[in-house]
Amino acid sequence: MIKLGLTQRVEAVPGGDERRDCLDQAWTLLLERHGFLPVPLPNATSDVKALVDPLSLAGVILTGGNDLASLPGATNPAPERDQFESRLLEVCSERDLPVLGVCRGLQKLVAESAGELLPVADHVATRHAIRAQPLRGMPLENRDEVNSFHRFGIPPDAVGRDYEAVAFAPDGWVEAVVHRSLPRWGIMWHPERPPHHDGDIELLRALFGRPKT
């Protein structure tokens, strides 16, 4: 199996002084079904290089959940996750590891590249079509329906200095980006949640490699 590191959302335990790293089991079910082995990555680690290097990862997925703490109006921020993912992206650049940002993960990629995130209406717990303009080997096509679970969106002219927008919602907000030089893509929908699409598996294979069957 191809090993992929997955970042995790942070959840505060009500009534207790405890913060937990969490990963939706749907990620494991999706990835293992298609020959990938998910490796959850802890947010509280102090040495990202020492964590990542022994794992022999083929790449990293920045999963969804939590608002970036820097965003005005953030309701469930996790500053420790922001810091960990920033360091993780540095390590991925040094090791030439591919990265896929999903929902919040896409937002993190754009924020790290000095892009702009703004509140967006009618993009939470809904579905919509996307219009795709794929670049640099990103196998992306128009779709009639993807899921949508985000409160902050990316204007088409504000994806940051390192990225290009390659997919858009009907209202014009960015739904996918590709890095200009690194193996680094971002999508706003969740592949682990319905409606499932074969195109998402092709995205994983194109970015991280095709598992042996």
Protein backbone atom coordinates (compact mmCIF):
# COMPACT_ATOMS: atom_id res chain seq x y z
CA MET A 1 0.00 0.00 0.00
CA ILE A 2 1.01 3.60 -0.58
CA LYS A 3 1.30 5.40 2.77
CA LEU A 4 -0.24 8.85 3.06
CA GLY A 5 0.01 11.15 6.07
CA LEU A 6 -3.31 12.73 7.06
CA THR A 7 -3.66 15.78 9.26
CA GLN A 8 -6.47 15.81 11.79
CA ARG A 9 -9.08 18.21 13.08
CA VAL A 10 -8.92 19.34 16.72
CA GLU A 11 -11.94 18.90 18.97
CA ALA A 12 -12.23 20.33 22.49
CA VAL A 13 -13.93 17.99 24.97
CA PRO A 14 -16.90 19.80 26.57
CA GLY A 15 -16.50 20.32 30.30
CA GLY A 16 -12.90 19.15 30.37
CA ASP A 17 -9.40 20.44 29.76
CA GLU A 18 -8.76 18.11 26.84
CA ARG A 19 -8.15 18.69 23.13
CA ARG A 20 -8.31 15.69 20.83
CA ASP A 21 -7.01 15.05 17.34
CA CYS A 22 -9.77 13.43 15.25
CA LEU A 23 -9.98 11.80 11.82
CA ASP A 24 -13.21 10.77 10.14
CA GLN A 25 -13.25 6.99 9.69
CA ALA A 26 -14.54 7.61 6.16
CA TRP A 27 -11.00 8.59 5.17
CA THR A 28 -9.67 5.18 6.18
CA LEU A 29 -12.48 3.35 4.38
CA LEU A 30 -11.95 5.36 1.19
CA LEU A 31 -8.18 5.15 1.07
CA GLU A 32 -7.79 1.49 2.02
CA ARG A 33 -10.43 0.51 -0.54
CA HIS A 34 -8.18 1.93 -3.25
CA GLY A 35 -4.79 0.73 -2.03
CA PHE A 36 -3.66 3.65 0.14
CA LEU A 37 -2.69 3.35 3.81
CA PRO A 38 -3.70 6.38 5.93
CA VAL A 39 -1.29 7.47 8.67
CA PRO A 40 -2.85 10.02 11.08
CA LEU A 41 -0.45 12.82 12.03
CA PRO A 42 -0.64 14.39 15.54
CA ASN A 43 -0.95 18.16 15.81
CA ALA A 44 0.95 18.57 19.08
CA THR A 45 4.30 17.18 17.92
CA SER A 46 7.26 19.53 18.39
CA ASP A 47 9.55 17.98 15.75
CA VAL A 48 7.80 17.52 12.42
CA LYS A 49 10.88 16.25 10.61
CA ALA A 50 11.45 13.56 13.24
CA LEU A 51 7.81 12.55 12.90
CA VAL A 52 7.64 12.44 9.11
CA ASP A 53 10.99 11.01 8.04
CA PRO A 54 10.68 7.49 9.55
CA LEU A 55 7.16 7.08 8.12
CA SER A 56 8.30 6.84 4.47
CA LEU A 57 5.20 8.68 3.29
CA ALA A 58 4.34 9.01 -0.39
CA GLY A 59 2.52 12.26 0.33
CA VAL A 60 0.28 14.21 2.68
CA ILE A 61 -3.42 15.10 2.77
CA LEU A 62 -4.48 18.21 4.69
CA THR A 63 -8.00 17.19 5.71
CA GLY A 64 -11.01 19.34 6.57
CA GLY A 65 -12.37 20.64 9.87
CA ASN A 66 -11.55 23.69 12.03
CA ASP A 67 -11.36 27.29 10.86
CA LEU A 68 -7.98 28.90 10.38
CA ALA A 69 -7.35 30.90 13.54
CA SER A 70 -6.33 33.94 11.49
CA LEU A 71 -9.79 34.32 9.93
CA PRO A 72 -12.17 36.91 11.41
CA GLY A 73 -15.24 35.11 12.69
CA ALA A 74 -13.53 31.75 13.12
CA THR A 75 -15.80 29.61 15.30
CA ASN A 76 -13.68 26.50 15.91
CA PRO A 77 -10.05 27.54 15.48
CA ALA A 78 -7.11 25.28 16.30
CA PRO A 79 -3.90 27.34 16.46
CA GLU A 80 -1.82 24.25 17.22
CA ARG A 81 -3.05 22.68 13.99
CA ASP A 82 -2.27 25.83 12.01
CA GLN A 83 1.29 25.80 13.34
CA PHE A 84 1.77 22.08 12.75
CA GLU A 85 0.51 22.23 9.17
CA SER A 86 2.75 25.21 8.40
CA ARG A 87 5.79 23.25 9.55
CA LEU A 88 4.52 20.15 7.75
CA LEU A 89 4.28 22.04 4.46
CA GLU A 90 7.88 23.19 4.90
CA VAL A 91 8.99 19.58 5.39
CA CYS A 92 6.99 18.47 2.36
CA SER A 93 8.75 21.09 0.26
CA GLU A 94 12.15 19.95 1.52
CA ARG A 95 11.32 16.28 0.88
CA ASP A 96 9.46 16.94 -2.40
CA LEU A 97 6.36 15.23 -0.99
CA PRO A 98 3.07 15.78 -2.85
CA VAL A 99 0.28 17.49 -0.92
CA LEU A 100 -3.49 17.47 -1.38
CA GLY A 101 -5.45 20.10 0.54
CA VAL A 102 -9.12 19.27 1.15
CA CYS A 103 -11.59 22.03 2.11
CA ARG A 104 -9.82 23.64 5.07
CA GLY A 105 -6.65 22.11 3.63
CA LEU A 106 -7.16 24.12 0.44
CA GLN A 107 -7.75 27.21 2.56
CA LYS A 108 -4.47 26.54 4.38
CA LEU A 109 -2.54 26.26 1.12
CA VAL A 110 -3.96 29.54 -0.15
CA ALA A 111 -3.38 31.32 3.17
CA GLU A 112 0.27 30.17 3.21
CA SER A 113 0.62 31.68 -0.27
CA ALA A 114 -0.76 35.09 0.78
CA GLY A 115 -4.14 34.47 -0.82
CA GLU A 116 -7.45 35.80 0.46
CA LEU A 117 -10.26 34.00 2.28
CA LEU A 118 -13.66 35.62 2.69
CA PRO A 119 -16.96 34.56 4.26
CA VAL A 120 -19.16 32.81 1.72
CA ALA A 121 -22.92 32.20 1.86
CA ASP A 122 -24.80 29.03 0.90
CA HIS A 123 -21.75 26.73 0.81
CA VAL A 124 -22.43 24.77 4.02
CA ALA A 125 -24.10 21.32 3.90
CA THR A 126 -25.12 21.62 0.27
CA ARG A 127 -24.13 20.39 -3.19
CA HIS A 128 -23.41 22.18 -6.45
CA ALA A 129 -21.75 21.75 -9.83
CA ILE A 130 -18.16 22.69 -10.68
CA ARG A 131 -16.58 24.00 -13.88
CA ALA A 132 -13.04 22.72 -14.35
CA GLN A 133 -10.01 24.08 -16.19
CA PRO A 134 -7.29 21.52 -15.30
CA LEU A 135 -3.58 22.36 -15.51
CA ARG A 136 -0.26 20.55 -15.09
CA GLY A 137 -1.56 17.00 -15.04
CA MET A 138 -4.44 17.52 -12.61
CA PRO A 139 -7.16 15.14 -13.92
CA LEU A 140 -10.22 17.25 -13.24
CA GLU A 141 -13.43 17.46 -15.24
CA ASN A 142 -16.71 19.34 -14.99
CA ARG A 143 -19.07 17.75 -12.48
CA ASP A 144 -22.77 18.04 -11.95
CA GLU A 145 -22.44 17.71 -8.20
CA VAL A 146 -19.85 17.95 -5.42
CA ASN A 147 -20.43 18.34 -1.69
CA SER A 148 -19.80 21.64 0.07
CA PHE A 149 -19.10 22.27 3.78
CA HIS A 150 -17.18 25.55 4.06
CA ARG A 151 -17.98 28.98 5.49
CA PHE A 152 -14.95 30.73 3.97
CA GLY A 153 -14.27 30.88 0.26
CA ILE A 154 -11.59 32.04 -2.17
CA PRO A 155 -12.27 34.70 -4.81
CA PRO A 156 -11.00 33.74 -8.29
CA ASP A 157 -8.39 36.52 -8.31
CA ALA A 158 -7.04 35.81 -4.82
CA VAL A 159 -5.60 32.28 -4.79
CA GLY A 160 -2.14 33.46 -3.73
CA ARG A 161 1.17 34.00 -5.47
CA ASP A 162 1.97 30.28 -5.97
CA TYR A 163 -1.36 28.87 -7.20
CA GLU A 164 -3.71 28.96 -10.14
CA ALA A 165 -7.45 28.33 -9.90
CA VAL A 166 -8.61 25.32 -11.91
CA ALA A 167 -12.24 24.79 -10.84
CA PHE A 168 -15.11 27.07 -9.90
CA ALA A 169 -18.55 26.87 -8.34
CA PRO A 170 -21.53 28.26 -10.30
CA ASP A 171 -21.33 31.47 -8.24
CA GLY A 172 -17.68 31.99 -9.17
CA TRP A 173 -15.92 30.94 -5.97
CA VAL A 174 -12.78 28.83 -6.37
CA GLU A 175 -13.21 25.08 -5.92
CA ALA A 176 -9.72 23.79 -6.83
CA VAL A 177 -6.17 25.07 -7.25
CA VAL A 178 -2.86 23.76 -8.53
CA HIS A 179 0.62 24.93 -7.49
CA ARG A 180 2.70 26.58 -10.20
CA SER A 181 5.77 24.40 -9.57
CA LEU A 182 5.29 21.95 -6.68
CA PRO A 183 3.21 18.71 -6.68
CA ARG A 184 0.55 20.41 -4.59
CA TRP A 185 -3.18 20.57 -5.31
CA GLY A 186 -6.22 21.76 -3.39
CA ILE A 187 -9.94 20.93 -3.67
CA MET A 188 -12.83 22.41 -1.72
CA TRP A 189 -15.06 19.33 -1.65
CA HIS A 190 -14.60 16.21 0.52
CA PRO A 191 -13.73 12.99 -1.39
CA GLU A 192 -14.49 10.93 1.71
CA ARG A 193 -18.13 12.12 1.81
CA PRO A 194 -20.99 11.54 -0.65
CA PRO A 195 -21.48 11.97 -3.50
CA HIS A 196 -18.47 9.77 -4.22
CA HIS A 197 -16.86 10.23 -7.62
CA ASP A 198 -14.34 8.11 -9.50
CA GLY A 199 -12.57 11.31 -10.46
CA ASP A 200 -11.42 11.79 -6.88
CA ILE A 201 -9.63 8.43 -6.97
CA GLU A 202 -7.92 9.49 -10.18
CA LEU A 203 -6.82 12.69 -8.41
CA LEU A 204 -5.24 10.63 -5.64
CA ARG A 205 -3.52 8.31 -8.10
CA ALA A 206 -2.23 11.14 -10.27
CA LEU A 207 -0.75 12.97 -7.27
CA PHE A 208 0.47 10.12 -5.05
CA GLY A 209 0.94 7.17 -7.40
CA ARG A 210 -1.06 4.16 -8.43
CA PRO A 211 -1.11 1.37 -5.80
CA LYS A 212 -0.23 -2.12 -6.96
CA THR A 213 -3.19 -4.46 -7.25
